[in-house]
Amino acid sequence: MEKTLTSGMLERLPLYLNYLKALSKDSPKHISATAISRALNMGEVNVRKDLAAVSGSGKPKIGYVVSDLIDDIETNLGYREKRGTVIVGAGRLGRALLDYGGFNEYGINILAAFDTNEKVCGETSSGKKIYLLKELEEFCEEHKVQIGIITVPAEHAQKVCDLMVECGISAIWNFAPTHLNVRRNILVQNENMAASLAVLSSHLKWK
C-alpha cells in the first residue's frame, strides 16, 4: 500500500520506524497509534493519519502488528529499494560518508566517490573506490546512478550540481553551505549544518 506522502509525513515516519525497531523482542506483538504518540510525545491525530496513509493493516482496539507496520513504513519510504549513489568531494566528510555502511538501511547504496585531486583517488579502508571527477559521467551511465551527494566547498557546489544533472542524476543531497539552482524536476535536499548549530546555540543562549 503506497501513497504520495506529504513533507510532514516524511519527517515523522522515520521517527515511528526508529521507535518500532528499537522495541525489545519481549514487547507485545501489536501496537496502537495511541501508544506510539505517547511514547514519542506527538499528537495522536497526526500519528493515526500517518499510519493509515501507509498501512491498511491496523485493526480497532488491537492496533498494528509491529513487524507488518515496519514493513509498510519502509516500503513507503523507499527503504526497500537500493538506489545507486555517488559522492563528489573526497575530503574528510566525503570519505566518512563513503565508508559509512548504515545508508543501505535507508535504500541508499553508495557506490563510489569522485574528486579532482588525483592524490586522494584509490580504494578506501571499506573497499569503496574514489575516482577522478572526469570519470563521473561514464560511471553514472554504467551504474544507473540516481542520487548524488555533494561534499565540496561552497564555491564549487553549483558546478558539481550541474555536472550531476548532466549525468542523469535527479536527486541531490547537498552538504555545501550554499543555495543550488536546478530545474523543477530535480530534487535538492540541503543538509544545513550551520542552521542546526544556530538553533543549538540560540537554545543555550536563552536557557
Protein backbone atom coordinates (compact mmCIF):
# COMPACT_ATOMS: atom_id res chain seq x y z
CA MET A 1 0.00 0.00 0.00
CA GLU A 2 1.98 3.01 -1.28
CA LYS A 3 0.70 6.59 -1.37
CA THR A 4 2.11 10.03 -2.00
CA LEU A 5 3.47 11.28 1.31
CA THR A 6 3.41 14.88 2.49
CA SER A 7 6.56 16.60 3.72
CA GLY A 8 5.24 16.36 7.28
CA MET A 9 4.77 12.61 6.95
CA LEU A 10 8.26 12.22 5.52
CA GLU A 11 9.60 13.90 8.65
CA ARG A 12 7.53 11.86 11.09
CA LEU A 13 7.52 8.37 9.58
CA PRO A 14 11.26 7.77 10.20
CA LEU A 15 10.66 8.63 13.86
CA TYR A 16 7.95 5.98 14.11
CA LEU A 17 10.17 3.49 12.32
CA ASN A 18 13.12 4.05 14.63
CA TYR A 19 10.87 3.66 17.66
CA LEU A 20 9.33 0.43 16.37
CA LYS A 21 12.72 -1.05 15.53
CA ALA A 22 14.02 -0.18 18.99
CA LEU A 23 11.27 -2.14 20.75
CA SER A 24 12.56 -5.17 22.60
CA LYS A 25 11.77 -8.69 21.42
CA ASP A 26 9.69 -9.13 24.56
CA SER A 27 7.34 -6.26 23.61
CA PRO A 28 3.74 -7.04 22.59
CA LYS A 29 3.18 -8.20 19.02
CA HIS A 30 0.68 -5.41 18.39
CA ILE A 31 0.95 -1.66 18.90
CA SER A 32 -1.55 1.18 18.61
CA ALA A 33 -1.24 4.69 17.24
CA THR A 34 -2.05 5.92 20.75
CA ALA A 35 0.92 4.05 22.23
CA ILE A 36 3.28 5.43 19.59
CA SER A 37 2.06 9.00 20.04
CA ARG A 38 2.51 8.80 23.82
CA ALA A 39 5.98 7.25 23.57
CA LEU A 40 7.17 9.94 21.15
CA ASN A 41 5.19 12.80 22.73
CA MET A 42 3.46 13.54 19.43
CA GLY A 43 -0.10 14.42 18.51
CA GLU A 44 -2.26 11.31 18.33
CA VAL A 45 -4.33 12.61 15.40
CA ASN A 46 -1.26 13.06 13.22
CA VAL A 47 0.09 9.66 14.15
CA ARG A 48 -3.20 7.97 13.28
CA LYS A 49 -3.41 9.74 9.92
CA ASP A 50 0.21 8.97 9.09
CA LEU A 51 -0.10 5.28 9.86
CA ALA A 52 -3.39 4.99 7.99
CA ALA A 53 -1.74 6.54 4.94
CA VAL A 54 0.96 3.87 4.76
CA SER A 55 -0.73 0.79 6.19
CA GLY A 56 -4.17 -0.73 5.96
CA SER A 57 -3.46 -3.47 8.47
CA GLY A 58 -4.49 -1.61 11.62
CA LYS A 59 -7.49 -3.01 13.49
CA PRO A 60 -9.72 -1.22 16.03
CA LYS A 61 -8.83 -1.99 19.67
CA ILE A 62 -5.94 -4.17 18.50
CA GLY A 63 -3.69 -1.86 16.54
CA TYR A 64 -0.96 -2.90 14.13
CA VAL A 65 1.26 -5.94 14.02
CA VAL A 66 4.65 -4.35 14.73
CA SER A 67 6.57 -6.31 12.10
CA ASP A 68 3.94 -5.58 9.43
CA LEU A 69 3.91 -1.88 10.27
CA ILE A 70 7.70 -1.73 9.99
CA ASP A 71 7.47 -3.35 6.54
CA ASP A 72 4.77 -0.92 5.40
CA ILE A 73 6.67 2.17 6.55
CA GLU A 74 9.95 1.02 4.99
CA THR A 75 8.21 0.24 1.70
CA ASN A 76 6.51 3.63 1.52
CA LEU A 77 9.74 5.45 2.39
CA GLY A 78 11.55 3.56 -0.38
CA TYR A 79 13.97 1.90 2.02
CA ARG A 80 13.48 -1.50 0.38
CA GLU A 81 14.95 -0.24 -2.89
CA LYS A 82 18.69 0.16 -3.38
CA ARG A 83 19.34 3.38 -5.28
CA GLY A 84 22.78 3.85 -6.76
CA THR A 85 24.50 6.87 -5.20
CA VAL A 86 27.78 8.71 -5.74
CA ILE A 87 29.67 11.32 -3.75
CA VAL A 88 31.57 14.23 -5.27
CA GLY A 89 34.18 15.62 -2.92
CA ALA A 90 36.51 13.14 -1.24
CA GLY A 91 37.62 15.28 1.68
CA ARG A 92 37.06 14.22 5.29
CA LEU A 93 33.27 14.47 5.11
CA GLY A 94 33.02 12.78 1.74
CA ARG A 95 35.25 9.90 2.79
CA ALA A 96 33.35 9.48 6.06
CA LEU A 97 30.05 9.20 4.18
CA LEU A 98 31.62 6.85 1.63
CA ASP A 99 32.83 4.46 4.34
CA TYR A 100 29.65 4.60 6.43
CA GLY A 101 27.74 1.35 5.99
CA GLY A 102 24.45 2.43 7.53
CA PHE A 103 22.99 4.04 4.43
CA ASN A 104 21.91 0.70 2.97
CA GLU A 105 19.23 0.56 5.64
CA TYR A 106 17.65 3.61 4.00
CA GLY A 107 17.78 2.34 0.43
CA ILE A 108 20.95 4.30 -0.46
CA ASN A 109 23.75 2.28 -2.00
CA ILE A 110 26.85 4.49 -2.13
CA LEU A 111 28.89 3.10 -4.98
CA ALA A 112 31.91 5.42 -5.16
CA ALA A 113 33.27 8.92 -4.66
CA PHE A 114 34.84 11.35 -7.12
CA ASP A 115 37.35 14.16 -6.76
CA THR A 116 39.57 16.40 -8.89
CA ASN A 117 42.61 15.59 -6.74
CA GLU A 118 44.40 12.56 -8.14
CA LYS A 119 46.24 12.04 -4.85
CA VAL A 120 43.06 11.03 -2.98
CA CYS A 121 41.95 8.54 -5.61
CA GLY A 122 42.12 4.83 -4.94
CA GLU A 123 40.48 2.36 -2.59
CA THR A 124 39.41 3.27 0.95
CA SER A 125 39.53 1.08 4.05
CA SER A 126 35.95 -0.04 3.39
CA GLY A 127 36.78 -1.22 -0.10
CA LYS A 128 34.97 1.65 -1.83
CA LYS A 129 36.79 3.49 -4.61
CA ILE A 130 37.49 7.16 -5.27
CA TYR A 131 37.76 8.12 -8.94
CA LEU A 132 38.74 11.26 -10.79
CA LEU A 133 35.79 13.55 -11.44
CA LYS A 134 36.23 13.25 -15.22
CA GLU A 135 35.08 9.61 -14.89
CA LEU A 136 31.73 10.54 -13.31
CA GLU A 137 29.61 10.60 -16.47
CA GLU A 138 30.70 7.18 -17.67
CA PHE A 139 30.27 5.71 -14.18
CA CYS A 140 26.74 7.13 -13.76
CA GLU A 141 25.69 5.78 -17.14
CA GLU A 142 27.09 2.33 -16.44
CA HIS A 143 25.66 2.01 -12.92
CA LYS A 144 22.35 3.86 -13.43
CA VAL A 145 23.11 6.30 -10.61
CA GLN A 146 20.06 8.14 -9.24
CA ILE A 147 21.38 10.10 -6.24
CA GLY A 148 24.34 12.44 -5.91
CA ILE A 149 25.89 13.70 -2.68
CA ILE A 150 27.81 16.98 -2.78
CA THR A 151 30.57 17.47 -0.21
CA VAL A 152 32.72 20.08 -1.96
CA PRO A 153 33.39 23.67 -0.85
CA ALA A 154 30.54 26.11 -1.48
CA GLU A 155 32.25 27.85 -4.38
CA HIS A 156 32.39 24.60 -6.38
CA ALA A 157 28.97 23.21 -5.45
CA GLN A 158 26.91 24.69 -8.30
CA LYS A 159 29.33 23.42 -10.94
CA VAL A 160 29.24 19.95 -9.39
CA CYS A 161 25.45 20.09 -9.20
CA ASP A 162 25.22 20.99 -12.89
CA LEU A 163 27.53 18.11 -13.77
CA MET A 164 25.44 15.66 -11.77
CA VAL A 165 22.29 16.75 -13.58
CA GLU A 166 24.06 16.35 -16.92
CA CYS A 167 24.97 12.81 -15.86
CA GLY A 168 21.30 11.94 -15.32
CA ILE A 169 21.16 12.32 -11.54
CA SER A 170 17.75 13.59 -10.41
CA ALA A 171 18.11 13.72 -6.61
CA ILE A 172 20.91 15.62 -4.86
CA TRP A 173 21.89 15.66 -1.20
CA ASN A 174 23.82 18.88 -0.71
CA PHE A 175 26.23 19.33 2.21
CA ALA A 176 27.78 22.52 0.78
CA PRO A 177 26.62 25.69 2.61
CA THR A 178 25.14 27.33 -0.48
CA HIS A 179 21.93 27.50 -2.50
CA LEU A 180 21.83 25.42 -5.68
CA ASN A 181 19.87 26.36 -8.79
CA VAL A 182 18.24 23.40 -10.54
CA ARG A 183 15.36 22.59 -12.87
CA ARG A 184 11.97 21.85 -11.33
CA ASN A 185 12.26 18.12 -11.91
CA ILE A 186 15.48 17.91 -9.87
CA LEU A 187 15.20 17.45 -6.10
CA VAL A 188 17.79 19.07 -3.85
CA GLN A 189 17.87 18.24 -0.15
CA ASN A 190 20.11 20.66 1.73
CA GLU A 191 21.87 19.47 4.86
CA ASN A 192 22.27 22.84 6.55
CA MET A 193 24.61 22.19 9.47
CA ALA A 194 25.07 25.92 10.05
CA ALA A 195 21.34 26.34 10.67
CA SER A 196 21.28 23.37 13.04
CA LEU A 197 24.19 24.79 15.02
CA ALA A 198 22.47 28.17 15.15
CA VAL A 199 19.39 26.55 16.71
CA LEU A 200 21.54 24.81 19.34
CA SER A 201 23.47 27.98 20.15
CA SER A 202 20.29 30.01 20.41
CA HIS A 203 18.77 27.47 22.79
CA LEU A 204 21.79 27.66 25.08
CA LYS A 205 21.87 31.44 24.92
CA TRP A 206 18.33 31.81 26.27
CA LYS A 207 18.35 28.85 28.62
